[in-house]
């Protein structure tokens, strides 16, 4: 197996309780990420990693396979890297493609564009995100065109080689980037983020993006 899609979804979120199955535009939050993963032509398998039975049932309803997550990987201290390592060990894939459900909006074909960009370079990893301006301290005059920028990983798609993950990193020394549209950079941590995601999803659907989740018979 070359590319394994990994969707981490534990049940113990503190900031927004049960956020992974909270309804966003009529579907559980995690379902938007499952749809994006299942639409990929390059992913060989899509797993939802969870310790939560309700999340597992929702994931299966929307067509994903569930990988039971050990309790030790479902704590507040657990790292995404460790969850990915567990999935890679379970399936033996060459690469992981981490898809955070808290980043629900991906333009059609985004996952495959990440994989193609990765294959076009020599990377240990490749992540989506945006360029954020670095402003000088308040009171220092500046021109916008003189600002420098830093790449911010938005959590939407992070592709890593197996060797990189086994070396205790998601990124490695050669970390590639793919800048995506600002609409795709919504990352849900707060109630406002959830509201904002709803507005952006409504906009995307109005633009004709074919991204709405689909329920499957199980």
C-alpha atoms as a PDB file:
ATOM      1  CA  UNK A   1       0.000   0.000   0.000  1.00  0.00           C
ATOM      2  CA  UNK A   2       1.443   3.377  -1.017  1.00  0.00           C
ATOM      3  CA  UNK A   3      -0.818   6.088   0.442  1.00  0.00           C
ATOM      4  CA  UNK A   4      -2.898   5.635   3.589  1.00  0.00           C
ATOM      5  CA  UNK A   5      -5.416   8.321   4.532  1.00  0.00           C
ATOM      6  CA  UNK A   6      -5.606   8.790   8.308  1.00  0.00           C
ATOM      7  CA  UNK A   7      -8.432  10.776   9.918  1.00  0.00           C
ATOM      8  CA  UNK A   8      -7.871  11.168  13.677  1.00  0.00           C
ATOM      9  CA  UNK A   9     -11.074  11.614  15.676  1.00  0.00           C
ATOM     10  CA  UNK A  10     -11.006  11.023  19.399  1.00  0.00           C
ATOM     11  CA  UNK A  11     -14.096  11.442  21.497  1.00  0.00           C
ATOM     12  CA  UNK A  12     -12.678  13.483  24.349  1.00  0.00           C
ATOM     13  CA  UNK A  13     -12.406  16.987  22.906  1.00  0.00           C
ATOM     14  CA  UNK A  14     -12.418  19.571  25.711  1.00  0.00           C
ATOM     15  CA  UNK A  15     -12.792  22.881  23.832  1.00  0.00           C
ATOM     16  CA  UNK A  16     -15.830  21.834  21.782  1.00  0.00           C
ATOM     17  CA  UNK A  17     -17.225  18.626  23.291  1.00  0.00           C
ATOM     18  CA  UNK A  18     -18.164  15.977  20.694  1.00  0.00           C
ATOM     19  CA  UNK A  19     -17.113  18.349  17.913  1.00  0.00           C
ATOM     20  CA  UNK A  20     -16.149  15.561  15.495  1.00  0.00           C
ATOM     21  CA  UNK A  21     -19.786  14.482  15.173  1.00  0.00           C
ATOM     22  CA  UNK A  22     -21.405  17.869  15.709  1.00  0.00           C
ATOM     23  CA  UNK A  23     -23.529  18.833  12.714  1.00  0.00           C
ATOM     24  CA  UNK A  24     -21.995  21.218  10.196  1.00  0.00           C
ATOM     25  CA  UNK A  25     -24.370  22.179   7.368  1.00  0.00           C
ATOM     26  CA  UNK A  26     -26.466  19.092   8.070  1.00  0.00           C
ATOM     27  CA  UNK A  27     -23.683  16.507   8.377  1.00  0.00           C
ATOM     28  CA  UNK A  28     -21.330  15.472  11.192  1.00  0.00           C
ATOM     29  CA  UNK A  29     -18.103  17.467  11.074  1.00  0.00           C
ATOM     30  CA  UNK A  30     -15.982  14.389  10.379  1.00  0.00           C
ATOM     31  CA  UNK A  31     -18.120  13.494   7.354  1.00  0.00           C
ATOM     32  CA  UNK A  32     -16.749  16.431   5.337  1.00  0.00           C
ATOM     33  CA  UNK A  33     -13.214  15.094   5.694  1.00  0.00           C
ATOM     34  CA  UNK A  34     -14.288  11.531   4.946  1.00  0.00           C
ATOM     35  CA  UNK A  35     -15.876  12.743   1.691  1.00  0.00           C
ATOM     36  CA  UNK A  36     -12.667  14.510   0.644  1.00  0.00           C
ATOM     37  CA  UNK A  37     -10.617  11.397   1.399  1.00  0.00           C
ATOM     38  CA  UNK A  38     -12.929   8.955  -0.380  1.00  0.00           C
ATOM     39  CA  UNK A  39     -12.949  11.183  -3.470  1.00  0.00           C
ATOM     40  CA  UNK A  40      -9.177  10.818  -3.816  1.00  0.00           C
ATOM     41  CA  UNK A  41      -7.993   8.628  -6.656  1.00  0.00           C
ATOM     42  CA  UNK A  42      -4.542   8.252  -5.109  1.00  0.00           C
ATOM     43  CA  UNK A  43      -5.346   7.116  -1.564  1.00  0.00           C
ATOM     44  CA  UNK A  44      -5.300   3.332  -1.287  1.00  0.00           C
ATOM     45  CA  UNK A  45      -7.291   3.238   1.948  1.00  0.00           C
ATOM     46  CA  UNK A  46      -9.021   5.671   4.314  1.00  0.00           C
ATOM     47  CA  UNK A  47      -9.028   5.011   8.063  1.00  0.00           C
ATOM     48  CA  UNK A  48     -10.736   6.867  10.874  1.00  0.00           C
ATOM     49  CA  UNK A  49      -8.679   6.378  14.026  1.00  0.00           C
ATOM     50  CA  UNK A  50     -10.898   6.597  17.115  1.00  0.00           C
ATOM     51  CA  UNK A  51     -11.547   5.083  20.521  1.00  0.00           C
ATOM     52  CA  UNK A  52     -15.155   6.312  20.483  1.00  0.00           C
ATOM     53  CA  UNK A  53     -17.988   3.963  19.463  1.00  0.00           C
ATOM     54  CA  UNK A  54     -20.338   6.744  18.376  1.00  0.00           C
ATOM     55  CA  UNK A  55     -17.697   8.374  16.176  1.00  0.00           C
ATOM     56  CA  UNK A  56     -16.866   4.941  14.735  1.00  0.00           C
ATOM     57  CA  UNK A  57     -20.517   4.366  13.811  1.00  0.00           C
ATOM     58  CA  UNK A  58     -20.762   7.763  12.122  1.00  0.00           C
ATOM     59  CA  UNK A  59     -17.538   7.165  10.200  1.00  0.00           C
ATOM     60  CA  UNK A  60     -18.810   3.832   8.880  1.00  0.00           C
ATOM     61  CA  UNK A  61     -22.119   5.428   7.911  1.00  0.00           C
ATOM     62  CA  UNK A  62     -20.190   7.822   5.671  1.00  0.00           C
ATOM     63  CA  UNK A  63     -18.061   5.097   4.115  1.00  0.00           C
ATOM     64  CA  UNK A  64     -14.792   5.090   6.071  1.00  0.00           C
ATOM     65  CA  UNK A  65     -13.088   2.113   7.651  1.00  0.00           C
ATOM     66  CA  UNK A  66     -12.490   2.419  11.397  1.00  0.00           C
ATOM     67  CA  UNK A  67      -9.199   1.628  13.104  1.00  0.00           C
ATOM     68  CA  UNK A  68      -9.757   1.199  16.866  1.00  0.00           C
ATOM     69  CA  UNK A  69      -7.377   3.482  18.726  1.00  0.00           C
ATOM     70  CA  UNK A  70      -5.711   2.375  21.974  1.00  0.00           C
ATOM     71  CA  UNK A  71      -6.754   4.386  25.030  1.00  0.00           C
ATOM     72  CA  UNK A  72      -3.181   5.609  25.431  1.00  0.00           C
ATOM     73  CA  UNK A  73      -3.455   7.412  22.082  1.00  0.00           C
ATOM     74  CA  UNK A  74      -6.757   9.081  22.964  1.00  0.00           C
ATOM     75  CA  UNK A  75      -5.575  11.316  25.804  1.00  0.00           C
ATOM     76  CA  UNK A  76      -5.047  15.083  25.738  1.00  0.00           C
ATOM     77  CA  UNK A  77      -1.297  14.442  25.597  1.00  0.00           C
ATOM     78  CA  UNK A  78      -1.389  12.132  22.553  1.00  0.00           C
ATOM     79  CA  UNK A  79       0.267  13.509  19.430  1.00  0.00           C
ATOM     80  CA  UNK A  80      -1.061  13.259  15.890  1.00  0.00           C
ATOM     81  CA  UNK A  81       2.306  11.761  14.955  1.00  0.00           C
ATOM     82  CA  UNK A  82       1.734   8.840  17.332  1.00  0.00           C
ATOM     83  CA  UNK A  83      -1.752   8.244  15.933  1.00  0.00           C
ATOM     84  CA  UNK A  84      -0.337   8.211  12.404  1.00  0.00           C
ATOM     85  CA  UNK A  85       2.450   5.829  13.451  1.00  0.00           C
ATOM     86  CA  UNK A  86      -0.152   3.453  14.894  1.00  0.00           C
ATOM     87  CA  UNK A  87      -2.127   3.499  11.631  1.00  0.00           C
ATOM     88  CA  UNK A  88       0.980   2.937   9.505  1.00  0.00           C
ATOM     89  CA  UNK A  89       2.015   0.007  11.663  1.00  0.00           C
ATOM     90  CA  UNK A  90      -1.465  -1.491  11.368  1.00  0.00           C
ATOM     91  CA  UNK A  91      -1.582  -1.256   7.575  1.00  0.00           C
ATOM     92  CA  UNK A  92       2.069  -1.201   6.455  1.00  0.00           C
ATOM     93  CA  UNK A  93       1.697   1.749   4.060  1.00  0.00           C
ATOM     94  CA  UNK A  94       4.647   3.637   2.574  1.00  0.00           C
ATOM     95  CA  UNK A  95       3.139   7.081   3.235  1.00  0.00           C
ATOM     96  CA  UNK A  96       0.533   8.590   5.532  1.00  0.00           C
ATOM     97  CA  UNK A  97      -1.857  11.354   4.506  1.00  0.00           C
ATOM     98  CA  UNK A  98      -3.143  12.995   7.680  1.00  0.00           C
ATOM     99  CA  UNK A  99      -6.529  14.700   7.300  1.00  0.00           C
ATOM    100  CA  UNK A 100      -7.744  16.600  10.351  1.00  0.00           C
ATOM    101  CA  UNK A 101     -11.558  16.632  10.644  1.00  0.00           C
ATOM    102  CA  UNK A 102     -11.328  20.099  12.210  1.00  0.00           C
ATOM    103  CA  UNK A 103     -10.365  21.369   8.742  1.00  0.00           C
ATOM    104  CA  UNK A 104     -13.609  20.461   6.959  1.00  0.00           C
ATOM    105  CA  UNK A 105     -13.345  22.489   3.763  1.00  0.00           C
ATOM    106  CA  UNK A 106     -11.130  21.156   0.969  1.00  0.00           C
ATOM    107  CA  UNK A 107     -11.584  22.077  -2.659  1.00  0.00           C
ATOM    108  CA  UNK A 108     -12.381  19.121  -4.938  1.00  0.00           C
ATOM    109  CA  UNK A 109      -9.223  17.160  -5.760  1.00  0.00           C
ATOM    110  CA  UNK A 110      -7.075  18.787  -3.077  1.00  0.00           C
ATOM    111  CA  UNK A 111      -5.818  15.501  -1.598  1.00  0.00           C
ATOM    112  CA  UNK A 112      -4.615  14.310  -4.995  1.00  0.00           C
ATOM    113  CA  UNK A 113      -2.970  17.682  -5.722  1.00  0.00           C
ATOM    114  CA  UNK A 114      -0.971  17.288  -2.519  1.00  0.00           C
ATOM    115  CA  UNK A 115       0.139  13.799  -3.537  1.00  0.00           C
ATOM    116  CA  UNK A 116       1.129  14.969  -7.023  1.00  0.00           C
ATOM    117  CA  UNK A 117       3.083  17.917  -5.601  1.00  0.00           C
ATOM    118  CA  UNK A 118       4.841  15.535  -3.226  1.00  0.00           C
ATOM    119  CA  UNK A 119       5.776  13.198  -6.070  1.00  0.00           C
ATOM    120  CA  UNK A 120       7.112  16.104  -8.132  1.00  0.00           C
ATOM    121  CA  UNK A 121       9.680  16.996  -5.456  1.00  0.00           C
ATOM    122  CA  UNK A 122      12.075  15.356  -3.054  1.00  0.00           C
ATOM    123  CA  UNK A 123      10.331  15.759   0.268  1.00  0.00           C
ATOM    124  CA  UNK A 124       9.991  14.012   3.599  1.00  0.00           C
ATOM    125  CA  UNK A 125       6.563  15.588   3.914  1.00  0.00           C
ATOM    126  CA  UNK A 126       4.228  18.081   2.290  1.00  0.00           C
ATOM    127  CA  UNK A 127       1.523  20.123   4.020  1.00  0.00           C
ATOM    128  CA  UNK A 128      -1.207  22.550   3.009  1.00  0.00           C
ATOM    129  CA  UNK A 129      -1.527  26.023   4.505  1.00  0.00           C
ATOM    130  CA  UNK A 130      -1.242  29.748   3.895  1.00  0.00           C
ATOM    131  CA  UNK A 131       1.317  32.555   3.946  1.00  0.00           C
ATOM    132  CA  UNK A 132       0.892  34.823   6.982  1.00  0.00           C
ATOM    133  CA  UNK A 133       2.497  38.290   7.041  1.00  0.00           C
ATOM    134  CA  UNK A 134       5.055  39.082   9.754  1.00  0.00           C
ATOM    135  CA  UNK A 135       4.265  42.593  10.966  1.00  0.00           C
ATOM    136  CA  UNK A 136       6.788  44.768  12.809  1.00  0.00           C
ATOM    137  CA  UNK A 137       6.015  45.906  16.397  1.00  0.00           C
ATOM    138  CA  UNK A 138       3.129  48.327  16.804  1.00  0.00           C
ATOM    139  CA  UNK A 139       4.218  51.882  16.096  1.00  0.00           C
ATOM    140  CA  UNK A 140       6.840  50.925  13.530  1.00  0.00           C
ATOM    141  CA  UNK A 141       5.901  52.270  10.120  1.00  0.00           C
ATOM    142  CA  UNK A 142       6.045  49.798   7.268  1.00  0.00           C
ATOM    143  CA  UNK A 143       4.844  49.122   3.746  1.00  0.00           C
ATOM    144  CA  UNK A 144       2.826  45.997   3.088  1.00  0.00           C
ATOM    145  CA  UNK A 145       4.939  45.125   0.068  1.00  0.00           C
ATOM    146  CA  UNK A 146       8.029  45.000   2.319  1.00  0.00           C
ATOM    147  CA  UNK A 147       6.567  42.460   4.745  1.00  0.00           C
ATOM    148  CA  UNK A 148       8.006  38.979   5.034  1.00  0.00           C
ATOM    149  CA  UNK A 149       5.766  35.945   5.285  1.00  0.00           C
ATOM    150  CA  UNK A 150       5.762  32.666   7.194  1.00  0.00           C
ATOM    151  CA  UNK A 151       3.984  29.504   6.059  1.00  0.00           C
ATOM    152  CA  UNK A 152       1.257  28.333   8.475  1.00  0.00           C
ATOM    153  CA  UNK A 153       0.232  24.672   8.328  1.00  0.00           C
ATOM    154  CA  UNK A 154      -3.573  24.637   8.423  1.00  0.00           C
ATOM    155  CA  UNK A 155      -3.932  20.937   9.347  1.00  0.00           C
ATOM    156  CA  UNK A 156      -5.988  20.130   6.274  1.00  0.00           C
ATOM    157  CA  UNK A 157      -3.563  17.713   4.564  1.00  0.00           C
ATOM    158  CA  UNK A 158      -0.152  16.537   5.808  1.00  0.00           C
ATOM    159  CA  UNK A 159       1.591  13.856   3.743  1.00  0.00           C
ATOM    160  CA  UNK A 160       4.553  12.107   5.421  1.00  0.00           C
ATOM    161  CA  UNK A 161       6.827   9.249   4.454  1.00  0.00           C
ATOM    162  CA  UNK A 162       6.834   6.198   6.676  1.00  0.00           C
ATOM    163  CA  UNK A 163      10.539   6.745   7.443  1.00  0.00           C
ATOM    164  CA  UNK A 164       9.813  10.297   8.612  1.00  0.00           C
ATOM    165  CA  UNK A 165       7.064   9.161  10.981  1.00  0.00           C
ATOM    166  CA  UNK A 166       9.230   6.343  12.310  1.00  0.00           C
ATOM    167  CA  UNK A 167      11.900   8.961  13.042  1.00  0.00           C
ATOM    168  CA  UNK A 168       9.384  10.645  15.391  1.00  0.00           C
ATOM    169  CA  UNK A 169       8.340  13.485  13.086  1.00  0.00           C
ATOM    170  CA  UNK A 170       5.526  14.348  10.722  1.00  0.00           C
ATOM    171  CA  UNK A 171       7.677  16.751   8.727  1.00  0.00           C
ATOM    172  CA  UNK A 172      11.335  15.720   8.580  1.00  0.00           C
ATOM    173  CA  UNK A 173      14.136  17.893   7.227  1.00  0.00           C
ATOM    174  CA  UNK A 174      12.634  18.394   3.778  1.00  0.00           C
ATOM    175  CA  UNK A 175       9.160  19.783   4.467  1.00  0.00           C
ATOM    176  CA  UNK A 176       7.289  20.844   1.343  1.00  0.00           C
ATOM    177  CA  UNK A 177       4.335  23.220   1.267  1.00  0.00           C
ATOM    178  CA  UNK A 178       1.243  23.755  -0.850  1.00  0.00           C
ATOM    179  CA  UNK A 179      -0.489  27.116  -0.441  1.00  0.00           C
ATOM    180  CA  UNK A 180      -4.262  26.742  -0.721  1.00  0.00           C
ATOM    181  CA  UNK A 181      -7.124  29.231  -0.998  1.00  0.00           C
ATOM    182  CA  UNK A 182      -7.899  31.200   2.153  1.00  0.00           C
ATOM    183  CA  UNK A 183     -11.380  29.679   2.230  1.00  0.00           C
ATOM    184  CA  UNK A 184      -9.806  26.263   2.810  1.00  0.00           C
ATOM    185  CA  UNK A 185      -7.766  27.348   5.824  1.00  0.00           C
ATOM    186  CA  UNK A 186     -10.571  27.254   8.412  1.00  0.00           C
ATOM    187  CA  UNK A 187      -9.374  25.268  11.445  1.00  0.00           C
ATOM    188  CA  UNK A 188     -12.018  24.666  14.109  1.00  0.00           C
ATOM    189  CA  UNK A 189     -10.990  25.208  17.727  1.00  0.00           C
ATOM    190  CA  UNK A 190     -13.728  27.511  19.043  1.00  0.00           C
ATOM    191  CA  UNK A 191     -17.446  28.209  18.699  1.00  0.00           C
ATOM    192  CA  UNK A 192     -16.620  31.117  16.399  1.00  0.00           C
ATOM    193  CA  UNK A 193     -14.516  28.832  14.203  1.00  0.00           C
ATOM    194  CA  UNK A 194     -17.441  26.422  13.941  1.00  0.00           C
ATOM    195  CA  UNK A 195     -19.778  29.243  12.945  1.00  0.00           C
ATOM    196  CA  UNK A 196     -17.226  30.523  10.422  1.00  0.00           C
ATOM    197  CA  UNK A 197     -16.808  27.040   8.934  1.00  0.00           C
ATOM    198  CA  UNK A 198     -20.557  26.895   8.390  1.00  0.00           C
ATOM    199  CA  UNK A 199     -20.484  30.171   6.488  1.00  0.00           C
ATOM    200  CA  UNK A 200     -17.565  29.096   4.320  1.00  0.00           C
ATOM    201  CA  UNK A 201     -19.103  25.678   3.582  1.00  0.00           C
ATOM    202  CA  UNK A 202     -22.339  27.401   2.518  1.00  0.00           C
ATOM    203  CA  UNK A 203     -20.306  29.667   0.228  1.00  0.00           C
ATOM    204  CA  UNK A 204     -18.441  26.708  -1.292  1.00  0.00           C
ATOM    205  CA  UNK A 205     -21.631  24.767  -1.962  1.00  0.00           C
ATOM    206  CA  UNK A 206     -23.108  27.903  -3.515  1.00  0.00           C
ATOM    207  CA  UNK A 207     -20.072  28.057  -5.802  1.00  0.00           C
ATOM    208  CA  UNK A 208     -20.791  24.544  -6.988  1.00  0.00           C
ATOM    209  CA  UNK A 209     -18.034  22.699  -5.086  1.00  0.00           C
ATOM    210  CA  UNK A 210     -18.982  19.003  -5.051  1.00  0.00           C
ATOM    211  CA  UNK A 211     -17.920  18.354  -1.474  1.00  0.00           C
ATOM    212  CA  UNK A 212     -21.091  17.477   0.434  1.00  0.00           C
ATOM    213  CA  UNK A 213     -20.788  14.190   2.378  1.00  0.00           C
ATOM    214  CA  UNK A 214     -22.633  11.096   1.197  1.00  0.00           C
ATOM    215  CA  UNK A 215     -24.136   8.481   3.488  1.00  0.00           C
ATOM    216  CA  UNK A 216     -23.413   4.838   2.659  1.00  0.00           C
ATOM    217  CA  UNK A 217     -25.378   1.690   3.366  1.00  0.00           C
ATOM    218  CA  UNK A 218     -23.685  -0.472   6.006  1.00  0.00           C
END
